[in-house]
Amino acid sequence: MLSRNIRIEEDLIDQLFNSSEKRLARTLLLLARYGKEPHPERTLPKVSQDLLAEMISTTRSRVNFFMNRFEKMGFIRYNGGLQVHSSLLSVVLHD
């Protein structure tokens, strides 16, 4: 229960202080279990942009824009699923 409360607090702080781009990057890293698995760069099951938009409280068009940007920068890759690279962490950490 304590870990759930900590996660809710983190999500609230994320919503209040971070841009939608950073929220998307954080969500993708969480879905890839970055920091929890020995090799976090893995292919995720299909996740719609609508669902991602709902998760980070923005529009699908914004998610599409950021996903295209992340792909051009080499942070993610589409190949039958979504592959998230640990380099995406730089988006979250960049001020």
C-alpha atoms as a PDB file:
ATOM      1  CA  MET A   1       0.000   0.000   0.000  1.00  0.00           C
ATOM      2  CA  LEU A   2       2.905   2.325   0.735  1.00  0.00           C
ATOM      3  CA  SER A   3       4.424   1.775  -2.708  1.00  0.00           C
ATOM      4  CA  ARG A   4       1.034   2.533  -4.288  1.00  0.00           C
ATOM      5  CA  ASN A   5       0.804   5.829  -2.378  1.00  0.00           C
ATOM      6  CA  ILE A   6       4.341   6.742  -3.424  1.00  0.00           C
ATOM      7  CA  ARG A   7       3.463   6.037  -7.068  1.00  0.00           C
ATOM      8  CA  ILE A   8       0.316   8.206  -6.826  1.00  0.00           C
ATOM      9  CA  GLU A   9       2.362  11.065  -5.346  1.00  0.00           C
ATOM     10  CA  GLU A  10       4.968  10.706  -8.109  1.00  0.00           C
ATOM     11  CA  ASP A  11       2.233  10.791 -10.762  1.00  0.00           C
ATOM     12  CA  LEU A  12       0.699  13.924  -9.230  1.00  0.00           C
ATOM     13  CA  ILE A  13       4.047  15.718  -9.083  1.00  0.00           C
ATOM     14  CA  ASP A  14       4.733  14.625 -12.663  1.00  0.00           C
ATOM     15  CA  GLN A  15       1.373  16.014 -13.804  1.00  0.00           C
ATOM     16  CA  LEU A  16       1.895  19.344 -12.045  1.00  0.00           C
ATOM     17  CA  PHE A  17       5.493  20.113 -12.946  1.00  0.00           C
ATOM     18  CA  ASN A  18       6.448  18.287 -16.142  1.00  0.00           C
ATOM     19  CA  SER A  19       5.596  18.879 -19.783  1.00  0.00           C
ATOM     20  CA  SER A  20       3.546  16.347 -21.703  1.00  0.00           C
ATOM     21  CA  GLU A  21       6.727  15.292 -23.535  1.00  0.00           C
ATOM     22  CA  LYS A  22       8.443  14.402 -20.270  1.00  0.00           C
ATOM     23  CA  ARG A  23       5.313  12.679 -18.970  1.00  0.00           C
ATOM     24  CA  LEU A  24       5.188  10.546 -22.118  1.00  0.00           C
ATOM     25  CA  ALA A  25       8.878   9.659 -21.836  1.00  0.00           C
ATOM     26  CA  ARG A  26       8.410   8.715 -18.171  1.00  0.00           C
ATOM     27  CA  THR A  27       5.354   6.597 -18.973  1.00  0.00           C
ATOM     28  CA  LEU A  28       7.169   4.738 -21.750  1.00  0.00           C
ATOM     29  CA  LEU A  29      10.104   4.050 -19.431  1.00  0.00           C
ATOM     30  CA  LEU A  30       7.742   2.781 -16.737  1.00  0.00           C
ATOM     31  CA  LEU A  31       5.999   0.505 -19.237  1.00  0.00           C
ATOM     32  CA  ALA A  32       9.403  -0.851 -20.285  1.00  0.00           C
ATOM     33  CA  ARG A  33      10.146  -1.441 -16.584  1.00  0.00           C
ATOM     34  CA  TYR A  34      13.304   0.662 -16.833  1.00  0.00           C
ATOM     35  CA  GLY A  35      15.382   0.158 -13.698  1.00  0.00           C
ATOM     36  CA  LYS A  36      13.441  -2.969 -12.704  1.00  0.00           C
ATOM     37  CA  GLU A  37      14.743  -5.381 -15.325  1.00  0.00           C
ATOM     38  CA  PRO A  38      18.375  -6.177 -16.188  1.00  0.00           C
ATOM     39  CA  HIS A  39      17.754  -5.297 -19.856  1.00  0.00           C
ATOM     40  CA  PRO A  40      14.976  -2.685 -20.036  1.00  0.00           C
ATOM     41  CA  GLU A  41      15.308  -2.127 -23.802  1.00  0.00           C
ATOM     42  CA  ARG A  42      12.559  -4.475 -24.850  1.00  0.00           C
ATOM     43  CA  THR A  43       9.562  -4.590 -27.100  1.00  0.00           C
ATOM     44  CA  LEU A  44       6.300  -3.654 -25.432  1.00  0.00           C
ATOM     45  CA  PRO A  45       2.925  -5.016 -26.428  1.00  0.00           C
ATOM     46  CA  LYS A  46       0.883  -2.755 -28.681  1.00  0.00           C
ATOM     47  CA  VAL A  47      -0.233   0.356 -26.842  1.00  0.00           C
ATOM     48  CA  SER A  48      -2.459   2.795 -28.695  1.00  0.00           C
ATOM     49  CA  GLN A  49      -1.653   6.472 -28.823  1.00  0.00           C
ATOM     50  CA  ASP A  50      -5.143   7.132 -27.466  1.00  0.00           C
ATOM     51  CA  LEU A  51      -4.341   5.099 -24.367  1.00  0.00           C
ATOM     52  CA  LEU A  52      -0.989   6.835 -23.921  1.00  0.00           C
ATOM     53  CA  ALA A  53      -2.700  10.220 -24.285  1.00  0.00           C
ATOM     54  CA  GLU A  54      -5.205   9.257 -21.631  1.00  0.00           C
ATOM     55  CA  MET A  55      -2.418   8.076 -19.321  1.00  0.00           C
ATOM     56  CA  ILE A  56      -0.571  11.403 -19.503  1.00  0.00           C
ATOM     57  CA  SER A  57      -3.626  13.684 -19.805  1.00  0.00           C
ATOM     58  CA  THR A  58      -3.023  15.095 -23.249  1.00  0.00           C
ATOM     59  CA  THR A  59      -4.318  14.624 -26.787  1.00  0.00           C
ATOM     60  CA  ARG A  60      -3.528  11.820 -29.212  1.00  0.00           C
ATOM     61  CA  SER A  61      -2.099  14.331 -31.675  1.00  0.00           C
ATOM     62  CA  ARG A  62       0.448  15.509 -29.072  1.00  0.00           C
ATOM     63  CA  VAL A  63       1.405  11.904 -28.320  1.00  0.00           C
ATOM     64  CA  ASN A  64       1.801  11.266 -32.067  1.00  0.00           C
ATOM     65  CA  PHE A  65       4.032  14.336 -32.399  1.00  0.00           C
ATOM     66  CA  PHE A  66       6.276  13.268 -29.502  1.00  0.00           C
ATOM     67  CA  MET A  67       6.390   9.618 -30.576  1.00  0.00           C
ATOM     68  CA  ASN A  68       7.562  10.682 -34.059  1.00  0.00           C
ATOM     69  CA  ARG A  69      10.158  12.951 -32.461  1.00  0.00           C
ATOM     70  CA  PHE A  70      11.372  10.164 -30.141  1.00  0.00           C
ATOM     71  CA  GLU A  71      11.647   7.790 -33.097  1.00  0.00           C
ATOM     72  CA  LYS A  72      13.654  10.291 -35.182  1.00  0.00           C
ATOM     73  CA  MET A  73      16.014  10.788 -32.229  1.00  0.00           C
ATOM     74  CA  GLY A  74      16.466   7.022 -31.834  1.00  0.00           C
ATOM     75  CA  PHE A  75      14.851   6.775 -28.394  1.00  0.00           C
ATOM     76  CA  ILE A  76      12.133   4.371 -29.538  1.00  0.00           C
ATOM     77  CA  ARG A  77      11.558   2.067 -32.491  1.00  0.00           C
ATOM     78  CA  TYR A  78       8.465   0.504 -34.010  1.00  0.00           C
ATOM     79  CA  ASN A  79       8.953  -3.038 -35.292  1.00  0.00           C
ATOM     80  CA  GLY A  80       5.861  -5.088 -34.649  1.00  0.00           C
ATOM     81  CA  GLY A  81       5.717  -3.479 -31.232  1.00  0.00           C
ATOM     82  CA  LEU A  82       7.230  -0.563 -29.443  1.00  0.00           C
ATOM     83  CA  GLN A  83      10.872  -0.835 -28.411  1.00  0.00           C
ATOM     84  CA  VAL A  84      11.980   1.694 -25.794  1.00  0.00           C
ATOM     85  CA  HIS A  85      15.698   2.454 -25.462  1.00  0.00           C
ATOM     86  CA  SER A  86      17.229   3.545 -22.177  1.00  0.00           C
ATOM     87  CA  SER A  87      18.489   6.690 -23.931  1.00  0.00           C
ATOM     88  CA  LEU A  88      14.902   8.006 -23.575  1.00  0.00           C
ATOM     89  CA  LEU A  89      15.848   8.707 -19.960  1.00  0.00           C
ATOM     90  CA  SER A  90      17.720  11.793 -21.215  1.00  0.00           C
ATOM     91  CA  VAL A  91      14.363  13.387 -22.106  1.00  0.00           C
ATOM     92  CA  VAL A  92      13.142  12.945 -18.538  1.00  0.00           C
ATOM     93  CA  LEU A  93      16.354  14.225 -16.982  1.00  0.00           C
ATOM     94  CA  HIS A  94      16.860  17.171 -19.351  1.00  0.00           C
ATOM     95  CA  ASP A  95      15.727  20.514 -17.908  1.00  0.00           C
END
